[in-house]
Structure formats: structure tokens, C-alpha cells
PDB file of N, CA and C in Angstrom:
ATOM      1  N   MET A   1       0.819  -1.218  -0.018  1.00  0.00           N
ATOM      2  CA  MET A   1      -0.324  -0.230   0.050  1.00  0.00           C
ATOM      3  C   MET A   1       0.764   0.931  -0.009  1.00  0.00           C
ATOM      4  N   LYS A   2       1.725   1.231   0.655  1.00  0.00           N
ATOM      5  CA  LYS A   2       3.165   2.320   1.171  1.00  0.00           C
ATOM      6  C   LYS A   2       3.522   2.589  -0.562  1.00  0.00           C
ATOM      7  N   LYS A   3       4.101   1.368  -1.181  1.00  0.00           N
ATOM      8  CA  LYS A   3       4.605   1.717  -2.454  1.00  0.00           C
ATOM      9  C   LYS A   3       3.370   1.950  -3.648  1.00  0.00           C
ATOM     10  N   ILE A   4       2.141   1.856  -3.590  1.00  0.00           N
ATOM     11  CA  ILE A   4       1.510   2.297  -4.410  1.00  0.00           C
ATOM     12  C   ILE A   4       1.119   4.363  -4.072  1.00  0.00           C
ATOM     13  N   LEU A   5       0.969   4.121  -2.752  1.00  0.00           N
ATOM     14  CA  LEU A   5       0.745   5.894  -2.684  1.00  0.00           C
ATOM     15  C   LEU A   5       2.168   6.346  -2.824  1.00  0.00           C
ATOM     16  N   PHE A   6       3.638   6.214  -2.260  1.00  0.00           N
ATOM     17  CA  PHE A   6       4.314   6.742  -2.921  1.00  0.00           C
ATOM     18  C   PHE A   6       4.661   6.743  -4.505  1.00  0.00           C
ATOM     19  N   SER A   7       4.393   6.053  -5.056  1.00  0.00           N
ATOM     20  CA  SER A   7       4.171   5.765  -6.751  1.00  0.00           C
ATOM     21  C   SER A   7       3.278   6.685  -6.868  1.00  0.00           C
ATOM     22  N   CYS A   8       1.644   6.765  -6.492  1.00  0.00           N
ATOM     23  CA  CYS A   8       1.234   8.034  -6.993  1.00  0.00           C
ATOM     24  C   CYS A   8       1.247   9.145  -6.840  1.00  0.00           C
ATOM     25  N   PHE A   9       2.028   9.608  -5.321  1.00  0.00           N
ATOM     26  CA  PHE A   9       2.495  10.645  -5.395  1.00  0.00           C
ATOM     27  C   PHE A   9       3.684  11.400  -6.036  1.00  0.00           C
ATOM     28  N   LEU A  10       4.669  10.137  -6.729  1.00  0.00           N
ATOM     29  CA  LEU A  10       5.960  10.674  -7.670  1.00  0.00           C
ATOM     30  C   LEU A  10       4.933  11.002  -9.334  1.00  0.00           C
ATOM     31  N   VAL A  11       4.157  10.172  -9.477  1.00  0.00           N
ATOM     32  CA  VAL A  11       3.406  10.718 -10.517  1.00  0.00           C
ATOM     33  C   VAL A  11       2.818  12.185 -10.286  1.00  0.00           C
ATOM     34  N   GLY A  12       2.511  12.338  -9.178  1.00  0.00           N
ATOM     35  CA  GLY A  12       1.445  13.352  -8.885  1.00  0.00           C
ATOM     36  C   GLY A  12       2.422  14.657  -9.146  1.00  0.00           C
ATOM     37  N   CYS A  13       3.971  14.238  -8.690  1.00  0.00           N
ATOM     38  CA  CYS A  13       5.218  15.459  -8.309  1.00  0.00           C
ATOM     39  C   CYS A  13       5.091  16.023 -10.014  1.00  0.00           C
ATOM     40  N   THR A  14       5.678  14.898 -10.895  1.00  0.00           N
ATOM     41  CA  THR A  14       6.207  14.948 -11.972  1.00  0.00           C
ATOM     42  C   THR A  14       5.387  15.856 -12.906  1.00  0.00           C
ATOM     43  N   ALA A  15       4.131  15.370 -13.028  1.00  0.00           N
ATOM     44  CA  ALA A  15       2.849  15.907 -13.724  1.00  0.00           C
ATOM     45  C   ALA A  15       3.309  17.428 -13.189  1.00  0.00           C
ATOM     46  N   SER A  16       3.142  17.638 -12.023  1.00  0.00           N
ATOM     47  CA  SER A  16       3.811  19.397 -11.522  1.00  0.00           C
ATOM     48  C   SER A  16       4.406  20.020 -11.391  1.00  0.00           C
ATOM     49  N   ASN A  17       5.720  19.227 -11.790  1.00  0.00           N
ATOM     50  CA  ASN A  17       6.858  19.622 -11.920  1.00  0.00           C
ATOM     51  C   ASN A  17       6.982  19.727 -13.543  1.00  0.00           C
ATOM     52  N   VAL A  18       6.173  19.332 -14.906  1.00  0.00           N
ATOM     53  CA  VAL A  18       5.911  19.289 -15.909  1.00  0.00           C
ATOM     54  C   VAL A  18       5.133  20.329 -16.538  1.00  0.00           C
ATOM     55  N   ALA A  19       4.159  20.340 -15.756  1.00  0.00           N
ATOM     56  CA  ALA A  19       3.202  21.960 -15.626  1.00  0.00           C
ATOM     57  C   ALA A  19       3.921  22.959 -15.549  1.00  0.00           C
ATOM     58  N   LEU A  20       4.561  23.096 -14.129  1.00  0.00           N
ATOM     59  CA  LEU A  20       5.155  24.225 -13.668  1.00  0.00           C
ATOM     60  C   LEU A  20       6.724  24.260 -14.915  1.00  0.00           C
ATOM     61  N   ALA A  21       7.420  23.570 -15.226  1.00  0.00           N
ATOM     62  CA  ALA A  21       8.035  23.610 -16.482  1.00  0.00           C
ATOM     63  C   ALA A  21       7.785  24.331 -18.143  1.00  0.00           C
ATOM     64  N   SER A  22       6.596  24.058 -17.882  1.00  0.00           N
ATOM     65  CA  SER A  22       5.618  24.850 -19.404  1.00  0.00           C
ATOM     66  C   SER A  22       5.683  26.024 -19.057  1.00  0.00           C
ATOM     67  N   VAL A  23       5.003  26.150 -17.828  1.00  0.00           N
ATOM     68  CA  VAL A  23       4.789  28.171 -17.230  1.00  0.00           C
ATOM     69  C   VAL A  23       6.129  28.347 -17.448  1.00  0.00           C
ATOM     70  N   GLU A  24       7.351  28.240 -16.900  1.00  0.00           N
ATOM     71  CA  GLU A  24       7.964  28.983 -17.213  1.00  0.00           C
ATOM     72  C   GLU A  24       8.490  29.294 -18.418  1.00  0.00           C
ATOM     73  N   GLN A  25       8.470  27.988 -19.243  1.00  0.00           N
ATOM     74  CA  GLN A  25       8.783  28.460 -20.868  1.00  0.00           C
ATOM     75  C   GLN A  25       8.216  29.021 -21.396  1.00  0.00           C
ATOM     76  N   TYR A  26       6.556  29.117 -20.824  1.00  0.00           N
ATOM     77  CA  TYR A  26       6.430  30.270 -21.521  1.00  0.00           C
ATOM     78  C   TYR A  26       6.407  31.034 -21.104  1.00  0.00           C
ATOM     79  N   VAL A  27       6.768  31.784 -19.955  1.00  0.00           N
ATOM     80  CA  VAL A  27       6.930  33.176 -19.530  1.00  0.00           C
ATOM     81  C   VAL A  27       8.319  33.425 -20.403  1.00  0.00           C
ATOM     82  N   ALA A  28       9.596  32.416 -20.448  1.00  0.00           N
ATOM     83  CA  ALA A  28      10.409  32.606 -20.908  1.00  0.00           C
ATOM     84  C   ALA A  28      10.731  33.347 -22.291  1.00  0.00           C
ATOM     85  N   ALA A  29       9.561  32.359 -23.223  1.00  0.00           N
ATOM     86  CA  ALA A  29       9.160  32.589 -24.427  1.00  0.00           C
ATOM     87  C   ALA A  29       8.730  34.478 -24.211  1.00  0.00           C
ATOM     88  N   VAL A  30       7.931  34.589 -23.759  1.00  0.00           N
ATOM     89  CA  VAL A  30       6.962  35.840 -23.979  1.00  0.00           C
ATOM     90  C   VAL A  30       7.888  36.860 -23.447  1.00  0.00           C
ATOM     91  N   ASP A  31       9.339  36.555 -22.465  1.00  0.00           N
ATOM     92  CA  ASP A  31       9.801  37.880 -22.515  1.00  0.00           C
ATOM     93  C   ASP A  31      11.065  37.750 -23.624  1.00  0.00           C
ATOM     94  N   LYS A  32      11.276  36.689 -24.220  1.00  0.00           N
ATOM     95  CA  LYS A  32      12.259  36.872 -25.395  1.00  0.00           C
ATOM     96  C   LYS A  32      11.197  37.339 -26.533  1.00  0.00           C
ATOM     97  N   ILE A  33       9.858  37.048 -26.592  1.00  0.00           N
ATOM     98  CA  ILE A  33       9.179  37.542 -27.822  1.00  0.00           C
ATOM     99  C   ILE A  33       9.354  39.463 -27.607  1.00  0.00           C
ATOM    100  N   SER A  34       9.076  39.918 -26.460  1.00  0.00           N
ATOM    101  CA  SER A  34       8.675  41.230 -25.960  1.00  0.00           C
ATOM    102  C   SER A  34      10.367  41.556 -26.243  1.00  0.00           C
ATOM    103  N   GLU A  35      11.179  41.357 -25.669  1.00  0.00           N
ATOM    104  CA  GLU A  35      12.542  42.078 -25.979  1.00  0.00           C
ATOM    105  C   GLU A  35      12.753  41.817 -27.321  1.00  0.00           C
ATOM    106  N   GLN A  36      12.876  40.848 -28.340  1.00  0.00           N
ATOM    107  CA  GLN A  36      12.899  41.063 -30.001  1.00  0.00           C
ATOM    108  C   GLN A  36      11.939  42.223 -30.734  1.00  0.00           C
ATOM    109  N   TYR A  37      10.719  42.099 -29.803  1.00  0.00           N
ATOM    110  CA  TYR A  37       9.820  43.381 -30.008  1.00  0.00           C
ATOM    111  C   TYR A  37      10.238  44.704 -30.153  1.00  0.00           C
ATOM    112  N   LYS A  38      10.665  45.004 -28.838  1.00  0.00           N
ATOM    113  CA  LYS A  38      11.296  45.997 -28.168  1.00  0.00           C
ATOM    114  C   LYS A  38      12.989  46.600 -28.914  1.00  0.00           C
ATOM    115  N   GLN A  39      13.095  45.365 -29.655  1.00  0.00           N
ATOM    116  CA  GLN A  39      14.329  46.249 -29.991  1.00  0.00           C
ATOM    117  C   GLN A  39      13.650  46.585 -31.643  1.00  0.00           C
ATOM    118  N   GLU A  40      12.953  45.560 -32.368  1.00  0.00           N
ATOM    119  CA  GLU A  40      12.455  45.714 -33.440  1.00  0.00           C
ATOM    120  C   GLU A  40      11.829  47.300 -33.792  1.00  0.00           C
ATOM    121  N   THR A  41      11.274  47.443 -32.895  1.00  0.00           N
ATOM    122  CA  THR A  41      10.276  49.086 -32.571  1.00  0.00           C
ATOM    123  C   THR A  41      11.352  50.074 -32.536  1.00  0.00           C
ATOM    124  N   ARG A  42      12.443  49.692 -31.579  1.00  0.00           N
ATOM    125  CA  ARG A  42      12.988  51.164 -31.200  1.00  0.00           C
ATOM    126  C   ARG A  42      14.257  51.223 -32.774  1.00  0.00           C
ATOM    127  N   SER A  43      14.407  50.534 -33.079  1.00  0.00           N
ATOM    128  CA  SER A  43      15.315  50.037 -34.480  1.00  0.00           C
ATOM    129  C   SER A  43      14.297  51.322 -35.531  1.00  0.00           C
ATOM    130  N   PHE A  44      13.222  50.709 -35.570  1.00  0.00           N
ATOM    131  CA  PHE A  44      12.025  51.397 -36.644  1.00  0.00           C
ATOM    132  C   PHE A  44      12.160  52.718 -36.454  1.00  0.00           C
ATOM    133  N   PHE A  45      11.519  53.218 -35.161  1.00  0.00           N
ATOM    134  CA  PHE A  45      11.191  54.592 -34.989  1.00  0.00           C
ATOM    135  C   PHE A  45      12.206  55.078 -34.857  1.00  0.00           C
ATOM    136  N   SER A  46      13.512  54.433 -34.561  1.00  0.00           N
ATOM    137  CA  SER A  46      14.888  55.499 -34.467  1.00  0.00           C
ATOM    138  C   SER A  46      15.353  55.972 -36.037  1.00  0.00           C
ATOM    139  N   SER A  47      14.894  55.037 -37.237  1.00  0.00           N
ATOM    140  CA  SER A  47      14.963  55.277 -38.630  1.00  0.00           C
ATOM    141  C   SER A  47      13.769  56.837 -39.192  1.00  0.00           C
ATOM    142  N   LEU A  48      12.832  56.956 -38.290  1.00  0.00           N
ATOM    143  CA  LEU A  48      11.987  58.044 -38.526  1.00  0.00           C
ATOM    144  C   LEU A  48      12.591  59.247 -38.532  1.00  0.00           C
ATOM    145  N   ASP A  49      12.102  60.150 -39.131  1.00  0.00           N
ATOM    146  CA  ASP A  49      12.517  61.967 -38.928  1.00  0.00           C
ATOM    147  C   ASP A  49      11.598  62.402 -37.997  1.00  0.00           C
ATOM    148  N   ALA A  50      12.226  63.041 -37.352  1.00  0.00           N
ATOM    149  CA  ALA A  50      11.697  63.622 -35.994  1.00  0.00           C
ATOM    150  C   ALA A  50      10.854  64.128 -36.190  1.00  0.00           C
ATOM    151  N   GLN A  51      10.454  65.092 -37.040  1.00  0.00           N
ATOM    152  CA  GLN A  51       9.320  66.427 -37.864  1.00  0.00           C
ATOM    153  C   GLN A  51       8.338  65.414 -38.297  1.00  0.00           C
ATOM    154  N   GLN A  52       8.371  64.173 -38.467  1.00  0.00           N
ATOM    155  CA  GLN A  52       7.248  63.321 -39.367  1.00  0.00           C
ATOM    156  C   GLN A  52       6.063  63.890 -38.147  1.00  0.00           C
ATOM    157  N   SER A  53       4.700  64.117 -39.328  1.00  0.00           N
ATOM    158  CA  SER A  53       3.547  63.514 -38.005  1.00  0.00           C
ATOM    159  C   SER A  53       2.548  62.411 -38.520  1.00  0.00           C
ATOM    160  N   SER A  54       3.277  61.579 -39.635  1.00  0.00           N
ATOM    161  CA  SER A  54       2.508  60.589 -39.746  1.00  0.00           C
ATOM    162  C   SER A  54       3.184  59.047 -40.605  1.00  0.00           C
ATOM    163  N   PHE A  55       2.852  58.342 -40.794  1.00  0.00           N
ATOM    164  CA  PHE A  55       3.886  57.221 -41.566  1.00  0.00           C
ATOM    165  C   PHE A  55       3.780  57.438 -42.786  1.00  0.00           C
ATOM    166  N   THR A  56       4.535  57.262 -43.439  1.00  0.00           N
ATOM    167  CA  THR A  56       4.317  56.976 -45.160  1.00  0.00           C
ATOM    168  C   THR A  56       3.555  55.665 -45.344  1.00  0.00           C
ATOM    169  N   SER A  57       3.211  55.392 -46.182  1.00  0.00           N
ATOM    170  CA  SER A  57       2.733  53.969 -46.864  1.00  0.00           C
ATOM    171  C   SER A  57       3.885  53.124 -46.536  1.00  0.00           C
ATOM    172  N   GLN A  58       5.334  53.436 -46.851  1.00  0.00           N
ATOM    173  CA  GLN A  58       5.593  52.048 -46.503  1.00  0.00           C
ATOM    174  C   GLN A  58       6.110  51.808 -45.245  1.00  0.00           C
ATOM    175  N   GLN A  59       6.534  53.111 -44.469  1.00  0.00           N
ATOM    176  CA  GLN A  59       6.841  53.107 -42.888  1.00  0.00           C
ATOM    177  C   GLN A  59       5.623  51.985 -42.355  1.00  0.00           C
ATOM    178  N   GLN A  60       4.612  52.201 -42.755  1.00  0.00           N
ATOM    179  CA  GLN A  60       3.346  51.942 -41.939  1.00  0.00           C
ATOM    180  C   GLN A  60       2.997  50.702 -42.240  1.00  0.00           C
ATOM    181  N   ALA A  61       2.938  49.973 -43.289  1.00  0.00           N
ATOM    182  CA  ALA A  61       3.554  48.648 -43.823  1.00  0.00           C
ATOM    183  C   ALA A  61       3.917  47.745 -43.189  1.00  0.00           C
ATOM    184  N   GLN A  62       5.845  48.534 -42.904  1.00  0.00           N
ATOM    185  CA  GLN A  62       6.920  48.208 -42.321  1.00  0.00           C
ATOM    186  C   GLN A  62       6.350  47.613 -40.726  1.00  0.00           C
ATOM    187  N   PHE A  63       5.798  48.791 -40.125  1.00  0.00           N
ATOM    188  CA  PHE A  63       5.561  48.580 -38.609  1.00  0.00           C
ATOM    189  C   PHE A  63       4.610  47.847 -38.385  1.00  0.00           C
ATOM    190  N   CYS A  64       3.513  48.077 -39.340  1.00  0.00           N
ATOM    191  CA  CYS A  64       2.651  46.438 -39.154  1.00  0.00           C
ATOM    192  C   CYS A  64       2.709  45.341 -39.108  1.00  0.00           C
ATOM    193  N   GLY A  65       3.922  45.267 -39.805  1.00  0.00           N
ATOM    194  CA  GLY A  65       4.682  44.012 -39.896  1.00  0.00           C
ATOM    195  C   GLY A  65       5.117  43.372 -38.724  1.00  0.00           C
ATOM    196  N   ILE A  66       5.786  44.708 -38.177  1.00  0.00           N
ATOM    197  CA  ILE A  66       6.467  44.007 -36.707  1.00  0.00           C
ATOM    198  C   ILE A  66       5.511  43.656 -35.501  1.00  0.00           C
ATOM    199  N   VAL A  67       4.185  44.875 -35.853  1.00  0.00           N
ATOM    200  CA  VAL A  67       3.267  44.458 -34.492  1.00  0.00           C
ATOM    201  C   VAL A  67       2.368  43.436 -35.130  1.00  0.00           C
ATOM    202  N   GLY A  68       2.129  42.657 -36.193  1.00  0.00           N
ATOM    203  CA  GLY A  68       1.832  41.261 -36.463  1.00  0.00           C
ATOM    204  C   GLY A  68       2.161  40.153 -36.632  1.00  0.00           C
ATOM    205  N   ASN A  69       4.102  40.415 -36.570  1.00  0.00           N
ATOM    206  CA  ASN A  69       4.915  39.182 -35.960  1.00  0.00           C
ATOM    207  C   ASN A  69       4.658  39.023 -34.539  1.00  0.00           C
ATOM    208  N   TYR A  70       4.501  40.082 -33.887  1.00  0.00           N
ATOM    209  CA  TYR A  70       4.650  40.148 -32.583  1.00  0.00           C
ATOM    210  C   TYR A  70       3.784  39.589 -32.194  1.00  0.00           C
ATOM    211  N   ILE A  71       2.661  39.530 -32.575  1.00  0.00           N
ATOM    212  CA  ILE A  71       1.359  39.317 -32.283  1.00  0.00           C
ATOM    213  C   ILE A  71       1.359  37.854 -32.661  1.00  0.00           C
ATOM    214  N   GLU A  72       1.638  37.062 -34.041  1.00  0.00           N
ATOM    215  CA  GLU A  72       1.499  36.004 -34.214  1.00  0.00           C
ATOM    216  C   GLU A  72       2.565  35.244 -32.852  1.00  0.00           C
ATOM    217  N   ARG A  73       4.049  35.581 -32.766  1.00  0.00           N
ATOM    218  CA  ARG A  73       4.956  34.868 -31.748  1.00  0.00           C
ATOM    219  C   ARG A  73       4.351  34.779 -30.036  1.00  0.00           C
ATOM    220  N   LEU A  74       3.336  36.149 -30.166  1.00  0.00           N
ATOM    221  CA  LEU A  74       2.980  35.911 -29.000  1.00  0.00           C
ATOM    222  C   LEU A  74       1.797  34.971 -28.633  1.00  0.00           C
ATOM    223  N   TYR A  75       0.782  34.537 -29.773  1.00  0.00           N
ATOM    224  CA  TYR A  75      -0.158  33.855 -29.871  1.00  0.00           C
ATOM    225  C   TYR A  75       0.338  32.437 -30.077  1.00  0.00           C
ATOM    226  N   GLN A  76       1.421  32.133 -30.707  1.00  0.00           N
ATOM    227  CA  GLN A  76       1.962  30.715 -30.734  1.00  0.00           C
ATOM    228  C   GLN A  76       2.651  30.390 -29.222  1.00  0.00           C
ATOM    229  N   ALA A  77       3.277  31.282 -28.471  1.00  0.00           N
ATOM    230  CA  ALA A  77       3.651  30.667 -27.571  1.00  0.00           C
ATOM    231  C   ALA A  77       2.583  30.288 -26.470  1.00  0.00           C
ATOM    232  N   ALA A  78       1.523  30.883 -26.862  1.00  0.00           N
ATOM    233  CA  ALA A  78       0.328  30.614 -25.418  1.00  0.00           C
ATOM    234  C   ALA A  78      -0.489  29.041 -26.105  1.00  0.00           C
ATOM    235  N   ASP A  79      -0.525  28.780 -27.327  1.00  0.00           N
ATOM    236  CA  ASP A  79      -1.005  28.102 -28.173  1.00  0.00           C
ATOM    237  C   ASP A  79      -0.130  26.759 -27.878  1.00  0.00           C
ATOM    238  N   GLN A  80       1.396  27.384 -28.179  1.00  0.00           N
ATOM    239  CA  GLN A  80       1.990  26.173 -27.125  1.00  0.00           C
ATOM    240  C   GLN A  80       1.825  25.423 -25.673  1.00  0.00           C
ATOM    241  N   ASN A  81       2.198  26.521 -25.159  1.00  0.00           N
ATOM    242  CA  ASN A  81       1.763  26.058 -23.872  1.00  0.00           C
ATOM    243  C   ASN A  81       0.614  26.165 -23.197  1.00  0.00           C
ATOM    244  N   ARG A  82      -0.440  26.253 -23.586  1.00  0.00           N
ATOM    245  CA  ARG A  82      -1.994  26.180 -23.650  1.00  0.00           C
ATOM    246  C   ARG A  82      -2.406  25.486 -22.333  1.00  0.00           C
ATOM    247  N   ALA A  83      -1.880  23.875 -22.397  1.00  0.00           N
ATOM    248  CA  ALA A  83      -2.481  23.339 -20.910  1.00  0.00           C
ATOM    249  C   ALA A  83      -2.014  23.556 -20.059  1.00  0.00           C
ATOM    250  N   SER A  84      -1.000  24.453 -19.542  1.00  0.00           N
ATOM    251  CA  SER A  84      -0.208  24.692 -18.620  1.00  0.00           C
ATOM    252  C   SER A  84      -0.630  26.426 -18.277  1.00  0.00           C
ATOM    253  N   LEU A  85      -1.460  26.442 -18.669  1.00  0.00           N
ATOM    254  CA  LEU A  85      -1.896  27.926 -18.421  1.00  0.00           C
ATOM    255  C   LEU A  85      -3.186  28.007 -17.539  1.00  0.00           C
ATOM    256  N   ASP A  86      -2.988  29.148 -17.063  1.00  0.00           N
ATOM    257  CA  ASP A  86      -4.002  29.563 -15.867  1.00  0.00           C
ATOM    258  C   ASP A  86      -5.331  29.316 -16.623  1.00  0.00           C
ATOM    259  N   ARG A  87      -6.341  28.735 -16.461  1.00  0.00           N
ATOM    260  CA  ARG A  87      -7.854  28.975 -16.980  1.00  0.00           C
ATOM    261  C   ARG A  87      -8.172  29.870 -18.009  1.00  0.00           C
ATOM    262  N   GLN A  88      -7.649  30.981 -17.080  1.00  0.00           N
ATOM    263  CA  GLN A  88      -9.019  32.421 -17.863  1.00  0.00           C
ATOM    264  C   GLN A  88      -7.838  32.543 -19.356  1.00  0.00           C
ATOM    265  N   PHE A  89      -6.116  31.883 -19.181  1.00  0.00           N
ATOM    266  CA  PHE A  89      -5.639  32.445 -20.598  1.00  0.00           C
ATOM    267  C   PHE A  89      -5.981  30.575 -21.217  1.00  0.00           C
ATOM    268  N   ARG A  90      -6.488  30.212 -21.385  1.00  0.00           N
ATOM    269  CA  ARG A  90      -6.233  28.967 -21.903  1.00  0.00           C
ATOM    270  C   ARG A  90      -7.355  29.074 -23.357  1.00  0.00           C
ATOM    271  N   GLN A  91      -8.193  30.101 -23.244  1.00  0.00           N
ATOM    272  CA  GLN A  91      -9.308  29.675 -24.240  1.00  0.00           C
ATOM    273  C   GLN A  91      -8.846  31.378 -24.744  1.00  0.00           C
ATOM    274  N   MET A  92      -7.779  31.532 -24.764  1.00  0.00           N
ATOM    275  CA  MET A  92      -7.563  33.168 -25.369  1.00  0.00           C
ATOM    276  C   MET A  92      -7.098  32.445 -26.607  1.00  0.00           C
ATOM    277  N   THR A  93      -7.729  33.303 -27.730  1.00  0.00           N
ATOM    278  CA  THR A  93      -7.982  33.500 -29.181  1.00  0.00           C
ATOM    279  C   THR A  93      -6.781  34.255 -29.696  1.00  0.00           C
ATOM    280  N   LYS A  94      -6.652  34.257 -31.029  1.00  0.00           N
ATOM    281  CA  LYS A  94      -5.738  35.283 -31.616  1.00  0.00           C
ATOM    282  C   LYS A  94      -6.000  36.733 -31.653  1.00  0.00           C
ATOM    283  N   GLN A  95      -7.847  36.903 -31.776  1.00  0.00           N
ATOM    284  CA  GLN A  95      -8.551  38.181 -31.787  1.00  0.00           C
ATOM    285  C   GLN A  95      -8.149  38.935 -30.583  1.00  0.00           C
ATOM    286  N   ASP A  96      -8.364  38.128 -29.607  1.00  0.00           N
ATOM    287  CA  ASP A  96      -8.153  38.050 -27.847  1.00  0.00           C
ATOM    288  C   ASP A  96      -6.613  38.678 -27.577  1.00  0.00           C
ATOM    289  N   VAL A  97      -5.667  38.229 -28.405  1.00  0.00           N
ATOM    290  CA  VAL A  97      -4.316  38.555 -28.440  1.00  0.00           C
ATOM    291  C   VAL A  97      -3.915  40.224 -29.060  1.00  0.00           C
ATOM    292  N   ILE A  98      -4.450  40.230 -29.914  1.00  0.00           N
ATOM    293  CA  ILE A  98      -5.115  41.438 -30.983  1.00  0.00           C
ATOM    294  C   ILE A  98      -5.080  42.458 -30.490  1.00  0.00           C
ATOM    295  N   HIS A  99      -6.302  42.657 -29.640  1.00  0.00           N
ATOM    296  CA  HIS A  99      -6.697  42.843 -28.996  1.00  0.00           C
ATOM    297  C   HIS A  99      -6.050  43.969 -27.498  1.00  0.00           C
ATOM    298  N   GLN A 100      -5.403  42.901 -27.229  1.00  0.00           N
ATOM    299  CA  GLN A 100      -4.641  43.446 -25.926  1.00  0.00           C
ATOM    300  C   GLN A 100      -3.236  44.207 -26.638  1.00  0.00           C
ATOM    301  N   VAL A 101      -2.663  43.951 -27.757  1.00  0.00           N
ATOM    302  CA  VAL A 101      -1.694  44.485 -28.127  1.00  0.00           C
ATOM    303  C   VAL A 101      -2.141  45.866 -28.663  1.00  0.00           C
ATOM    304  N   MET A 102      -3.291  45.893 -29.255  1.00  0.00           N
ATOM    305  CA  MET A 102      -3.581  47.209 -30.020  1.00  0.00           C
ATOM    306  C   MET A 102      -4.249  48.119 -28.935  1.00  0.00           C
ATOM    307  N   ALA A 103      -4.832  47.672 -27.834  1.00  0.00           N
ATOM    308  CA  ALA A 103      -5.104  48.319 -26.726  1.00  0.00           C
ATOM    309  C   ALA A 103      -3.948  48.906 -25.388  1.00  0.00           C
ATOM    310  N   SER A 104      -2.973  48.437 -26.178  1.00  0.00           N
ATOM    311  CA  SER A 104      -1.768  48.641 -24.826  1.00  0.00           C
ATOM    312  C   SER A 104      -1.253  50.182 -25.270  1.00  0.00           C
ATOM    313  N   LYS A 105      -0.662  50.695 -24.139  1.00  0.00           N
ATOM    314  CA  LYS A 105      -0.417  52.218 -24.374  1.00  0.00           C
ATOM    315  C   LYS A 105       0.360  52.320 -25.561  1.00  0.00           C
ATOM    316  N   GLU A 106       1.707  51.784 -25.744  1.00  0.00           N
ATOM    317  CA  GLU A 106       2.370  51.920 -26.615  1.00  0.00           C
ATOM    318  C   GLU A 106       1.786  52.473 -28.246  1.00  0.00           C
ATOM    319  N   MET A 107       0.598  51.450 -28.215  1.00  0.00           N
ATOM    320  CA  MET A 107      -0.482  51.635 -29.936  1.00  0.00           C
ATOM    321  C   MET A 107      -1.384  52.741 -29.643  1.00  0.00           C
ATOM    322  N   LEU A 108      -1.723  53.163 -28.156  1.00  0.00           N
ATOM    323  CA  LEU A 108      -3.024  54.019 -28.364  1.00  0.00           C
ATOM    324  C   LEU A 108      -1.719  55.585 -28.231  1.00  0.00           C
ATOM    325  N   ILE A 109      -0.777  55.705 -28.419  1.00  0.00           N
ATOM    326  CA  ILE A 109       0.071  56.930 -28.540  1.00  0.00           C
ATOM    327  C   ILE A 109       0.358  56.830 -29.616  1.00  0.00           C
ATOM    328  N   LEU A 110      -0.041  55.957 -30.518  1.00  0.00           N
ATOM    329  CA  LEU A 110       0.229  55.967 -32.173  1.00  0.00           C
ATOM    330  C   LEU A 110      -0.843  56.259 -32.929  1.00  0.00           C
ATOM    331  N   LYS A 111      -1.732  56.547 -31.955  1.00  0.00           N
ATOM    332  CA  LYS A 111      -2.862  56.893 -32.921  1.00  0.00           C
ATOM    333  C   LYS A 111      -2.771  58.108 -33.509  1.00  0.00           C
ATOM    334  N   LYS A 112      -2.111  59.286 -32.893  1.00  0.00           N
ATOM    335  CA  LYS A 112      -1.750  60.514 -33.536  1.00  0.00           C
ATOM    336  C   LYS A 112      -1.275  60.115 -34.642  1.00  0.00           C
ATOM    337  N   TYR A 113      -0.308  58.922 -34.975  1.00  0.00           N
ATOM    338  CA  TYR A 113       0.026  58.958 -36.437  1.00  0.00           C
ATOM    339  C   TYR A 113      -0.719  58.331 -37.587  1.00  0.00           C
ATOM    340  N   ASN A 114      -1.882  58.139 -37.050  1.00  0.00           N
ATOM    341  CA  ASN A 114      -3.078  57.527 -37.522  1.00  0.00           C
ATOM    342  C   ASN A 114      -2.546  56.015 -38.141  1.00  0.00           C
ATOM    343  N   VAL A 115      -2.093  55.220 -37.630  1.00  0.00           N
ATOM    344  CA  VAL A 115      -1.506  54.050 -38.020  1.00  0.00           C
ATOM    345  C   VAL A 115      -2.968  52.873 -37.916  1.00  0.00           C
ATOM    346  N   GLN A 116      -2.991  52.645 -39.016  1.00  0.00           N
ATOM    347  CA  GLN A 116      -4.040  51.325 -39.307  1.00  0.00           C
ATOM    348  C   GLN A 116      -3.591  50.227 -39.832  1.00  0.00           C
ATOM    349  N   CYS A 117      -3.598  49.322 -38.382  1.00  0.00           N
ATOM    350  CA  CYS A 117      -2.887  47.854 -38.742  1.00  0.00           C
ATOM    351  C   CYS A 117      -4.150  46.829 -39.812  1.00  0.00           C
ATOM    352  N   ASP A 118      -4.154  46.444 -40.106  1.00  0.00           N
ATOM    353  CA  ASP A 118      -4.729  45.358 -40.478  1.00  0.00           C
ATOM    354  C   ASP A 118      -4.668  43.643 -40.336  1.00  0.00           C
ATOM    355  N   LEU A 119      -5.154  44.064 -38.638  1.00  0.00           N
ATOM    356  CA  LEU A 119      -4.046  42.056 -38.435  1.00  0.00           C
ATOM    357  C   LEU A 119      -5.359  40.940 -38.132  1.00  0.00           C
ATOM    358  N   LYS A 120      -4.954  40.231 -38.294  1.00  0.00           N
ATOM    359  CA  LYS A 120      -6.098  38.909 -38.529  1.00  0.00           C
ATOM    360  C   LYS A 120      -5.678  37.893 -37.809  1.00  0.00           C
TER     361      LYS A 120
END
């Protein structure tokens, strides 16, 4: 009986460690994705003329590409680790990720540039 209980305990601990490892992998992936996004946007914004009041069509396409890749990578990280995420995040759709990114403070600041990204 003790061996059975101990075996069950070990299986439970192993499953718990696997879930914890997946959460840690997700957090690490999001950190890496966010850092890459910061680098890409910094590079993009440093290439702009400080006197600009709006993006050119080429700049808008480039910026929307950066944001689109960011959203795609965030969604893939969530999708790959869905089973280990908290219940409220397991049902997250790509549209939810798009909404969160577009509602961020950084994106709201860019409204003055009339940035319109068609993200799907």
C-alpha cells in the first residue's frame, strides 16, 4: 500500500513539475518575444524623421509587419503552452491577443500618427 501511495505521489509530483516547466517555458518565450519586439520597434522608430506627423505607406506597412509578427509569436507561445496556462488564458484566441496589443499604451500613443494595421 505504501508503495502504491508513494508511486501516486511521484506521478503527481512529476506532472506538477512538467506543468511548472511549461509555465516557465511560456514566461521565458514571452520575455524573449517582448525583447525582440522592443528591439525591432526601437530600430524602426530611430529610423524615422523626428519632424514626421504621420507614417508613409511604406513605414506603415513595415510597422504593421513588426506588430503582426509580435502578435503571431505571442499567440504561438500561448497556443503551445495552453495546457499549462491559467484557466482564464487557456481559451485565449488570436483576436484576444490582437485586442490586447492594440489596446496597449504604446499603440494608443501611435493613434496620433493614424496608424491603421489590418491584423487578423
